PDB file of N, CA and C in Angstrom:
ATOM      1  N   MET A   1       0.922  -0.938  -0.088  1.00  0.00           N
ATOM      2  CA  MET A   1       0.279   0.085   0.107  1.00  0.00           C
ATOM      3  C   MET A   1       0.667   1.311   0.126  1.00  0.00           C
ATOM      4  N   VAL A   2       0.524   2.387  -0.780  1.00  0.00           N
ATOM      5  CA  VAL A   2       0.931   3.970  -0.833  1.00  0.00           C
ATOM      6  C   VAL A   2       1.537   4.356   0.516  1.00  0.00           C
ATOM      7  N   GLU A   3       2.083   5.437   0.902  1.00  0.00           N
ATOM      8  CA  GLU A   3       1.798   5.981   2.046  1.00  0.00           C
ATOM      9  C   GLU A   3       1.006   6.907   1.402  1.00  0.00           C
ATOM     10  N   LYS A   4       0.278   7.758   2.145  1.00  0.00           N
ATOM     11  CA  LYS A   4      -0.633   8.828   1.606  1.00  0.00           C
ATOM     12  C   LYS A   4       0.208   9.821   2.580  1.00  0.00           C
ATOM     13  N   LYS A   5       1.245  10.237   1.913  1.00  0.00           N
ATOM     14  CA  LYS A   5       1.816  11.715   1.841  1.00  0.00           C
ATOM     15  C   LYS A   5       2.177  12.448   0.804  1.00  0.00           C
ATOM     16  N   PRO A   6       2.815  13.584   0.632  1.00  0.00           N
ATOM     17  CA  PRO A   6       3.134  14.244  -0.538  1.00  0.00           C
ATOM     18  C   PRO A   6       4.188  13.555  -1.292  1.00  0.00           C
ATOM     19  N   VAL A   7       4.547  13.614  -2.487  1.00  0.00           N
ATOM     20  CA  VAL A   7       5.573  13.625  -2.821  1.00  0.00           C
ATOM     21  C   VAL A   7       6.620  14.733  -3.306  1.00  0.00           C
ATOM     22  N   SER A   8       7.888  14.526  -3.885  1.00  0.00           N
ATOM     23  CA  SER A   8       8.564  15.113  -4.190  1.00  0.00           C
ATOM     24  C   SER A   8       8.549  15.328  -5.881  1.00  0.00           C
ATOM     25  N   VAL A   9       8.128  16.914  -6.481  1.00  0.00           N
ATOM     26  CA  VAL A   9       8.071  16.687  -7.835  1.00  0.00           C
ATOM     27  C   VAL A   9       9.240  16.554  -8.245  1.00  0.00           C
ATOM     28  N   GLY A  10      10.285  16.870  -7.905  1.00  0.00           N
ATOM     29  CA  GLY A  10      11.436  17.190  -8.535  1.00  0.00           C
ATOM     30  C   GLY A  10      12.127  15.202  -8.676  1.00  0.00           C
ATOM     31  N   TRP A  11      11.825  14.562  -7.548  1.00  0.00           N
ATOM     32  CA  TRP A  11      12.525  13.213  -7.697  1.00  0.00           C
ATOM     33  C   TRP A  11      11.632  12.308  -8.644  1.00  0.00           C
ATOM     34  N   GLN A  12      10.310  12.514  -8.519  1.00  0.00           N
ATOM     35  CA  GLN A  12       9.352  11.682  -9.139  1.00  0.00           C
ATOM     36  C   GLN A  12      10.363  12.251 -10.963  1.00  0.00           C
ATOM     37  N   VAL A  13      10.275  13.647 -10.869  1.00  0.00           N
ATOM     38  CA  VAL A  13      11.313  13.498 -12.348  1.00  0.00           C
ATOM     39  C   VAL A  13      12.046  12.915 -12.909  1.00  0.00           C
ATOM     40  N   VAL A  14      12.975  12.419 -11.354  1.00  0.00           N
ATOM     41  CA  VAL A  14      14.256  12.005 -11.873  1.00  0.00           C
ATOM     42  C   VAL A  14      14.108  10.141 -11.998  1.00  0.00           C
ATOM     43  N   PHE A  15      12.679   9.996 -11.729  1.00  0.00           N
ATOM     44  CA  PHE A  15      12.805   8.954 -11.650  1.00  0.00           C
ATOM     45  C   PHE A  15      12.216   8.440 -13.117  1.00  0.00           C
ATOM     46  N   VAL A  16      11.414   8.926 -13.677  1.00  0.00           N
ATOM     47  CA  VAL A  16      10.666   8.923 -14.985  1.00  0.00           C
ATOM     48  C   VAL A  16      11.780   8.892 -16.223  1.00  0.00           C
ATOM     49  N   ILE A  17      12.705   9.754 -15.224  1.00  0.00           N
ATOM     50  CA  ILE A  17      14.109   9.725 -16.291  1.00  0.00           C
ATOM     51  C   ILE A  17      15.126   8.406 -16.696  1.00  0.00           C
ATOM     52  N   ILE A  18      15.388   7.666 -15.285  1.00  0.00           N
ATOM     53  CA  ILE A  18      15.984   6.798 -14.670  1.00  0.00           C
ATOM     54  C   ILE A  18      15.381   5.457 -15.617  1.00  0.00           C
ATOM     55  N   PRO A  19      15.665   4.500 -16.615  1.00  0.00           N
ATOM     56  CA  PRO A  19      14.583   3.271 -17.006  1.00  0.00           C
ATOM     57  C   PRO A  19      14.509   2.374 -16.117  1.00  0.00           C
ATOM     58  N   TYR A  20      13.891   1.363 -16.122  1.00  0.00           N
ATOM     59  CA  TYR A  20      12.391   0.812 -15.121  1.00  0.00           C
ATOM     60  C   TYR A  20      11.986   1.671 -13.764  1.00  0.00           C
ATOM     61  N   VAL A  21      13.285   2.569 -13.625  1.00  0.00           N
ATOM     62  CA  VAL A  21      12.381   3.188 -11.968  1.00  0.00           C
ATOM     63  C   VAL A  21      11.514   4.544 -12.150  1.00  0.00           C
ATOM     64  N   TRP A  22      10.928   3.959 -13.491  1.00  0.00           N
ATOM     65  CA  TRP A  22       9.613   4.679 -13.633  1.00  0.00           C
ATOM     66  C   TRP A  22       8.363   4.195 -12.818  1.00  0.00           C
ATOM     67  N   ILE A  23       8.268   3.010 -12.928  1.00  0.00           N
ATOM     68  CA  ILE A  23       8.101   2.114 -12.396  1.00  0.00           C
ATOM     69  C   ILE A  23       7.298   2.592 -10.795  1.00  0.00           C
ATOM     70  N   TYR A  24       8.389   2.270 -10.064  1.00  0.00           N
ATOM     71  CA  TYR A  24       8.168   3.578  -8.950  1.00  0.00           C
ATOM     72  C   TYR A  24       7.881   4.968  -8.907  1.00  0.00           C
ATOM     73  N   ALA A  25       8.081   5.946  -9.493  1.00  0.00           N
ATOM     74  CA  ALA A  25       7.498   7.089  -9.884  1.00  0.00           C
ATOM     75  C   ALA A  25       5.513   7.380 -10.328  1.00  0.00           C
ATOM     76  N   PHE A  26       5.361   6.393 -11.219  1.00  0.00           N
ATOM     77  CA  PHE A  26       3.755   6.075 -11.286  1.00  0.00           C
ATOM     78  C   PHE A  26       3.322   5.218  -9.543  1.00  0.00           C
ATOM     79  N   TYR A  27       4.120   4.107  -9.261  1.00  0.00           N
ATOM     80  CA  TYR A  27       3.545   3.632  -8.012  1.00  0.00           C
ATOM     81  C   TYR A  27       3.259   4.618  -6.562  1.00  0.00           C
ATOM     82  N   ARG A  28       4.432   5.345  -6.804  1.00  0.00           N
ATOM     83  CA  ARG A  28       4.199   6.312  -5.662  1.00  0.00           C
ATOM     84  C   ARG A  28       2.605   7.635  -5.670  1.00  0.00           C
ATOM     85  N   ILE A  29       2.352   7.782  -6.607  1.00  0.00           N
ATOM     86  CA  ILE A  29       0.697   8.007  -7.216  1.00  0.00           C
ATOM     87  C   ILE A  29      -0.330   7.829  -7.334  1.00  0.00           C
ATOM     88  N   GLU A  30      -0.400   6.033  -7.127  1.00  0.00           N
ATOM     89  CA  GLU A  30      -1.400   5.137  -7.423  1.00  0.00           C
ATOM     90  C   GLU A  30      -1.869   5.890  -8.676  1.00  0.00           C
ATOM     91  N   LYS A  31      -0.590   5.633  -9.385  1.00  0.00           N
ATOM     92  CA  LYS A  31      -1.255   5.544 -11.324  1.00  0.00           C
ATOM     93  C   LYS A  31      -0.302   5.108 -12.150  1.00  0.00           C
ATOM     94  N   LEU A  32      -0.118   3.967 -11.395  1.00  0.00           N
ATOM     95  CA  LEU A  32       0.925   2.872 -11.533  1.00  0.00           C
ATOM     96  C   LEU A  32       0.375   1.872 -13.057  1.00  0.00           C
ATOM     97  N   THR A  33      -1.230   1.622 -13.413  1.00  0.00           N
ATOM     98  CA  THR A  33      -1.642   1.068 -14.432  1.00  0.00           C
ATOM     99  C   THR A  33      -1.647   1.747 -15.484  1.00  0.00           C
ATOM    100  N   ILE A  34      -2.704   3.183 -15.435  1.00  0.00           N
ATOM    101  CA  ILE A  34      -2.228   4.467 -16.292  1.00  0.00           C
ATOM    102  C   ILE A  34      -1.380   4.874 -16.785  1.00  0.00           C
ATOM    103  N   GLY A  35       0.306   4.413 -16.017  1.00  0.00           N
ATOM    104  CA  GLY A  35       1.726   4.647 -16.090  1.00  0.00           C
ATOM    105  C   GLY A  35       1.870   4.016 -17.280  1.00  0.00           C
ATOM    106  N   ILE A  36       1.874   2.559 -16.920  1.00  0.00           N
ATOM    107  CA  ILE A  36       1.919   1.485 -18.330  1.00  0.00           C
ATOM    108  C   ILE A  36       2.077   1.785 -19.453  1.00  0.00           C
ATOM    109  N   VAL A  37       0.144   2.046 -19.060  1.00  0.00           N
ATOM    110  CA  VAL A  37      -1.090   2.163 -20.470  1.00  0.00           C
ATOM    111  C   VAL A  37       0.301   3.352 -21.149  1.00  0.00           C
ATOM    112  N   LEU A  38       0.431   4.636 -20.567  1.00  0.00           N
ATOM    113  CA  LEU A  38       1.582   5.371 -21.371  1.00  0.00           C
ATOM    114  C   LEU A  38       2.243   5.095 -21.977  1.00  0.00           C
ATOM    115  N   ALA A  39       3.464   3.891 -20.839  1.00  0.00           N
ATOM    116  CA  ALA A  39       4.589   3.871 -21.859  1.00  0.00           C
ATOM    117  C   ALA A  39       4.200   2.429 -23.056  1.00  0.00           C
ATOM    118  N   ILE A  40       3.452   2.189 -22.825  1.00  0.00           N
ATOM    119  CA  ILE A  40       3.610   1.158 -23.992  1.00  0.00           C
ATOM    120  C   ILE A  40       3.010   2.514 -25.313  1.00  0.00           C
ATOM    121  N   ILE A  41       2.625   3.126 -24.862  1.00  0.00           N
ATOM    122  CA  ILE A  41       1.642   4.044 -25.666  1.00  0.00           C
ATOM    123  C   ILE A  41       3.196   4.920 -26.257  1.00  0.00           C
ATOM    124  N   SER A  42       3.456   5.235 -25.943  1.00  0.00           N
ATOM    125  CA  SER A  42       5.038   6.036 -25.984  1.00  0.00           C
ATOM    126  C   SER A  42       6.245   5.203 -26.610  1.00  0.00           C
ATOM    127  N   THR A  43       6.393   4.691 -26.392  1.00  0.00           N
ATOM    128  CA  THR A  43       7.236   2.855 -26.574  1.00  0.00           C
ATOM    129  C   THR A  43       6.796   2.952 -28.418  1.00  0.00           C
ATOM    130  N   LEU A  44       5.385   2.251 -28.775  1.00  0.00           N
ATOM    131  CA  LEU A  44       4.656   2.289 -29.808  1.00  0.00           C
ATOM    132  C   LEU A  44       5.166   3.410 -30.892  1.00  0.00           C
ATOM    133  N   ALA A  45       4.776   4.768 -30.361  1.00  0.00           N
ATOM    134  CA  ALA A  45       4.794   5.907 -31.356  1.00  0.00           C
ATOM    135  C   ALA A  45       6.302   6.545 -31.025  1.00  0.00           C
ATOM    136  N   GLY A  46       7.391   6.225 -30.287  1.00  0.00           N
ATOM    137  CA  GLY A  46       8.893   6.465 -30.543  1.00  0.00           C
ATOM    138  C   GLY A  46       9.030   5.525 -31.785  1.00  0.00           C
ATOM    139  N   ILE A  47       8.837   4.485 -31.736  1.00  0.00           N
ATOM    140  CA  ILE A  47       9.323   4.079 -32.660  1.00  0.00           C
ATOM    141  C   ILE A  47       8.652   3.783 -34.028  1.00  0.00           C
ATOM    142  N   SER A  48       7.744   3.951 -33.925  1.00  0.00           N
ATOM    143  CA  SER A  48       6.933   4.170 -35.476  1.00  0.00           C
ATOM    144  C   SER A  48       7.521   5.359 -35.406  1.00  0.00           C
ATOM    145  N   PHE A  49       7.900   6.806 -35.489  1.00  0.00           N
ATOM    146  CA  PHE A  49       9.323   7.819 -35.772  1.00  0.00           C
ATOM    147  C   PHE A  49      10.066   7.814 -36.380  1.00  0.00           C
ATOM    148  N   GLN A  50      10.460   6.224 -35.015  1.00  0.00           N
ATOM    149  CA  GLN A  50      12.051   6.014 -35.898  1.00  0.00           C
ATOM    150  C   GLN A  50      11.946   5.389 -37.216  1.00  0.00           C
ATOM    151  N   MET A  51      11.288   4.900 -37.181  1.00  0.00           N
ATOM    152  CA  MET A  51      10.310   3.923 -38.428  1.00  0.00           C
ATOM    153  C   MET A  51      10.223   4.605 -39.675  1.00  0.00           C
ATOM    154  N   ILE A  52       9.769   6.014 -39.517  1.00  0.00           N
ATOM    155  CA  ILE A  52       9.277   6.584 -41.130  1.00  0.00           C
ATOM    156  C   ILE A  52      10.100   8.412 -40.553  1.00  0.00           C
ATOM    157  N   LEU A  53      10.274   8.750 -40.045  1.00  0.00           N
ATOM    158  CA  LEU A  53      11.652  10.123 -40.457  1.00  0.00           C
ATOM    159  C   LEU A  53      13.223   9.052 -40.178  1.00  0.00           C
ATOM    160  N   PRO A  54      13.904  10.458 -41.523  1.00  0.00           N
ATOM    161  CA  PRO A  54      15.291   9.329 -40.988  1.00  0.00           C
ATOM    162  C   PRO A  54      16.120   9.869 -39.611  1.00  0.00           C
ATOM    163  N   PHE A  55      17.079   9.630 -40.069  1.00  0.00           N
ATOM    164  CA  PHE A  55      18.194   9.691 -38.262  1.00  0.00           C
ATOM    165  C   PHE A  55      17.910  10.460 -37.736  1.00  0.00           C
ATOM    166  N   PRO A  56      18.140  10.969 -37.758  1.00  0.00           N
ATOM    167  CA  PRO A  56      18.770  12.397 -36.366  1.00  0.00           C
ATOM    168  C   PRO A  56      17.129  13.040 -36.068  1.00  0.00           C
ATOM    169  N   TRP A  57      15.782  13.001 -36.896  1.00  0.00           N
ATOM    170  CA  TRP A  57      14.572  13.676 -36.912  1.00  0.00           C
ATOM    171  C   TRP A  57      13.887  12.762 -36.203  1.00  0.00           C
ATOM    172  N   GLY A  58      14.108  11.529 -36.324  1.00  0.00           N
ATOM    173  CA  GLY A  58      13.801  10.329 -35.762  1.00  0.00           C
ATOM    174  C   GLY A  58      13.263  10.050 -34.222  1.00  0.00           C
ATOM    175  N   LEU A  59      14.664  10.085 -34.047  1.00  0.00           N
ATOM    176  CA  LEU A  59      15.322   9.577 -32.586  1.00  0.00           C
ATOM    177  C   LEU A  59      15.435  11.143 -31.880  1.00  0.00           C
ATOM    178  N   GLY A  60      15.588  12.306 -32.863  1.00  0.00           N
ATOM    179  CA  GLY A  60      14.403  13.741 -31.850  1.00  0.00           C
ATOM    180  C   GLY A  60      13.419  13.100 -31.337  1.00  0.00           C
ATOM    181  N   THR A  61      12.389  13.607 -32.148  1.00  0.00           N
ATOM    182  CA  THR A  61      11.017  12.784 -31.905  1.00  0.00           C
ATOM    183  C   THR A  61      10.752  11.823 -30.948  1.00  0.00           C
ATOM    184  N   SER A  62      11.504  10.851 -31.644  1.00  0.00           N
ATOM    185  CA  SER A  62      11.163   9.587 -30.560  1.00  0.00           C
ATOM    186  C   SER A  62      11.773  10.289 -28.638  1.00  0.00           C
ATOM    187  N   TRP A  63      12.418  11.239 -28.872  1.00  0.00           N
ATOM    188  CA  TRP A  63      12.676  11.376 -27.231  1.00  0.00           C
ATOM    189  C   TRP A  63      11.828  12.309 -26.789  1.00  0.00           C
ATOM    190  N   ILE A  64      11.029  13.121 -27.621  1.00  0.00           N
ATOM    191  CA  ILE A  64       9.540  13.558 -27.063  1.00  0.00           C
ATOM    192  C   ILE A  64       8.650  12.580 -26.734  1.00  0.00           C
ATOM    193  N   PHE A  65       8.410  11.504 -27.001  1.00  0.00           N
ATOM    194  CA  PHE A  65       7.543  10.470 -26.719  1.00  0.00           C
ATOM    195  C   PHE A  65       8.074   9.583 -25.703  1.00  0.00           C
ATOM    196  N   TYR A  66       9.107   9.158 -25.340  1.00  0.00           N
ATOM    197  CA  TYR A  66       9.654   8.684 -24.427  1.00  0.00           C
ATOM    198  C   TYR A  66       9.842   9.367 -23.153  1.00  0.00           C
ATOM    199  N   ILE A  67      10.819  10.796 -22.893  1.00  0.00           N
ATOM    200  CA  ILE A  67      10.568  11.071 -21.532  1.00  0.00           C
ATOM    201  C   ILE A  67      10.016  12.854 -21.688  1.00  0.00           C
ATOM    202  N   ILE A  68       9.329  13.176 -22.753  1.00  0.00           N
ATOM    203  CA  ILE A  68       9.241  14.689 -22.074  1.00  0.00           C
ATOM    204  C   ILE A  68       7.509  14.084 -21.976  1.00  0.00           C
ATOM    205  N   ILE A  69       6.782  13.338 -22.783  1.00  0.00           N
ATOM    206  CA  ILE A  69       5.226  13.090 -22.461  1.00  0.00           C
ATOM    207  C   ILE A  69       5.584  12.628 -20.817  1.00  0.00           C
ATOM    208  N   PRO A  70       6.186  11.311 -20.334  1.00  0.00           N
ATOM    209  CA  PRO A  70       5.518  11.184 -19.050  1.00  0.00           C
ATOM    210  C   PRO A  70       6.440  12.089 -18.012  1.00  0.00           C
ATOM    211  N   ILE A  71       7.327  12.628 -18.485  1.00  0.00           N
ATOM    212  CA  ILE A  71       7.408  13.701 -17.485  1.00  0.00           C
ATOM    213  C   ILE A  71       6.150  14.986 -17.182  1.00  0.00           C
ATOM    214  N   TYR A  72       5.652  14.934 -18.108  1.00  0.00           N
ATOM    215  CA  TYR A  72       4.355  15.902 -18.059  1.00  0.00           C
ATOM    216  C   TYR A  72       3.537  15.382 -17.163  1.00  0.00           C
ATOM    217  N   PHE A  73       3.084  14.559 -17.770  1.00  0.00           N
ATOM    218  CA  PHE A  73       2.079  13.265 -16.427  1.00  0.00           C
ATOM    219  C   PHE A  73       2.534  13.145 -15.283  1.00  0.00           C
ATOM    220  N   VAL A  74       3.981  12.511 -14.870  1.00  0.00           N
ATOM    221  CA  VAL A  74       3.982  12.654 -13.591  1.00  0.00           C
ATOM    222  C   VAL A  74       4.008  13.998 -12.708  1.00  0.00           C
ATOM    223  N   VAL A  75       4.474  14.404 -13.594  1.00  0.00           N
ATOM    224  CA  VAL A  75       4.820  16.474 -12.742  1.00  0.00           C
ATOM    225  C   VAL A  75       2.695  16.440 -12.909  1.00  0.00           C
ATOM    226  N   LYS A  76       2.133  16.268 -13.765  1.00  0.00           N
ATOM    227  CA  LYS A  76       0.402  16.758 -13.000  1.00  0.00           C
ATOM    228  C   LYS A  76      -0.426  16.142 -12.470  1.00  0.00           C
ATOM    229  N   TRP A  77       0.208  14.562 -12.188  1.00  0.00           N
ATOM    230  CA  TRP A  77      -0.398  13.701 -11.082  1.00  0.00           C
ATOM    231  C   TRP A  77       0.249  14.017 -10.122  1.00  0.00           C
ATOM    232  N   SER A  78       1.371  14.460  -9.552  1.00  0.00           N
ATOM    233  CA  SER A  78       2.552  14.293  -8.814  1.00  0.00           C
ATOM    234  C   SER A  78       1.720  15.803  -8.100  1.00  0.00           C
ATOM    235  N   ARG A  79       1.580  17.025  -8.820  1.00  0.00           N
ATOM    236  CA  ARG A  79       0.667  18.110  -8.080  1.00  0.00           C
ATOM    237  C   ARG A  79      -0.105  17.682  -7.350  1.00  0.00           C
ATOM    238  N   GLU A  80      -1.280  16.934  -8.419  1.00  0.00           N
ATOM    239  CA  GLU A  80      -2.596  16.831  -7.944  1.00  0.00           C
ATOM    240  C   GLU A  80      -2.659  16.025  -6.389  1.00  0.00           C
ATOM    241  N   TRP A  81      -1.775  15.049  -7.208  1.00  0.00           N
ATOM    242  CA  TRP A  81      -1.601  14.231  -5.397  1.00  0.00           C
ATOM    243  C   TRP A  81      -0.722  14.951  -4.330  1.00  0.00           C
ATOM    244  N   ASN A  82      -0.207  15.694  -4.242  1.00  0.00           N
ATOM    245  CA  ASN A  82       0.578  16.376  -3.239  1.00  0.00           C
ATOM    246  C   ASN A  82      -0.927  17.609  -2.700  1.00  0.00           C
ATOM    247  N   GLU A  83      -1.957  18.193  -4.107  1.00  0.00           N
ATOM    248  CA  GLU A  83      -2.378  18.716  -3.485  1.00  0.00           C
ATOM    249  C   GLU A  83      -3.769  17.658  -2.733  1.00  0.00           C
ATOM    250  N   LYS A  84      -4.028  16.656  -2.789  1.00  0.00           N
ATOM    251  CA  LYS A  84      -4.758  15.761  -2.383  1.00  0.00           C
ATOM    252  C   LYS A  84      -4.675  15.519  -0.398  1.00  0.00           C
ATOM    253  N   TYR A  85      -3.227  15.538  -0.672  1.00  0.00           N
ATOM    254  CA  TYR A  85      -2.335  15.079   1.483  1.00  0.00           C
ATOM    255  C   TYR A  85      -1.536  16.093   1.390  1.00  0.00           C
ATOM    256  N   GLN A  86      -2.064  16.909   1.404  1.00  0.00           N
ATOM    257  CA  GLN A  86      -1.430  17.981   1.734  1.00  0.00           C
ATOM    258  C   GLN A  86      -1.686  18.451   3.563  1.00  0.00           C
ATOM    259  N   THR A  87      -0.434  18.683   3.991  1.00  0.00           N
ATOM    260  CA  THR A  87      -0.709  18.646   5.317  1.00  0.00           C
ATOM    261  C   THR A  87      -0.443  20.059   5.483  1.00  0.00           C
ATOM    262  N   ASN A  88      -1.443  20.978   6.376  1.00  0.00           N
ATOM    263  CA  ASN A  88      -1.948  21.936   6.891  1.00  0.00           C
ATOM    264  C   ASN A  88      -2.198  22.664   7.723  1.00  0.00           C
TER     265      ASN A  88
END
């Protein structure tokens, strides 16, 4: 069971960047299932762009899907989590 306390958004971003540690980042905010679906979709989109576009453009576009989109969602959901469990 996840601890019901605020999480550090900065650490969440670091966890998303490190391979396989992103699972822990989504688990901490109880969005693991959605995080796995997001990872599958971003992986498939990244592979598609690498196959369609030539080398430097395909790689750059795939980075957008592999890194930036999961970071956006983990920051958004971590902030929502922190608002829900903020201790004042």
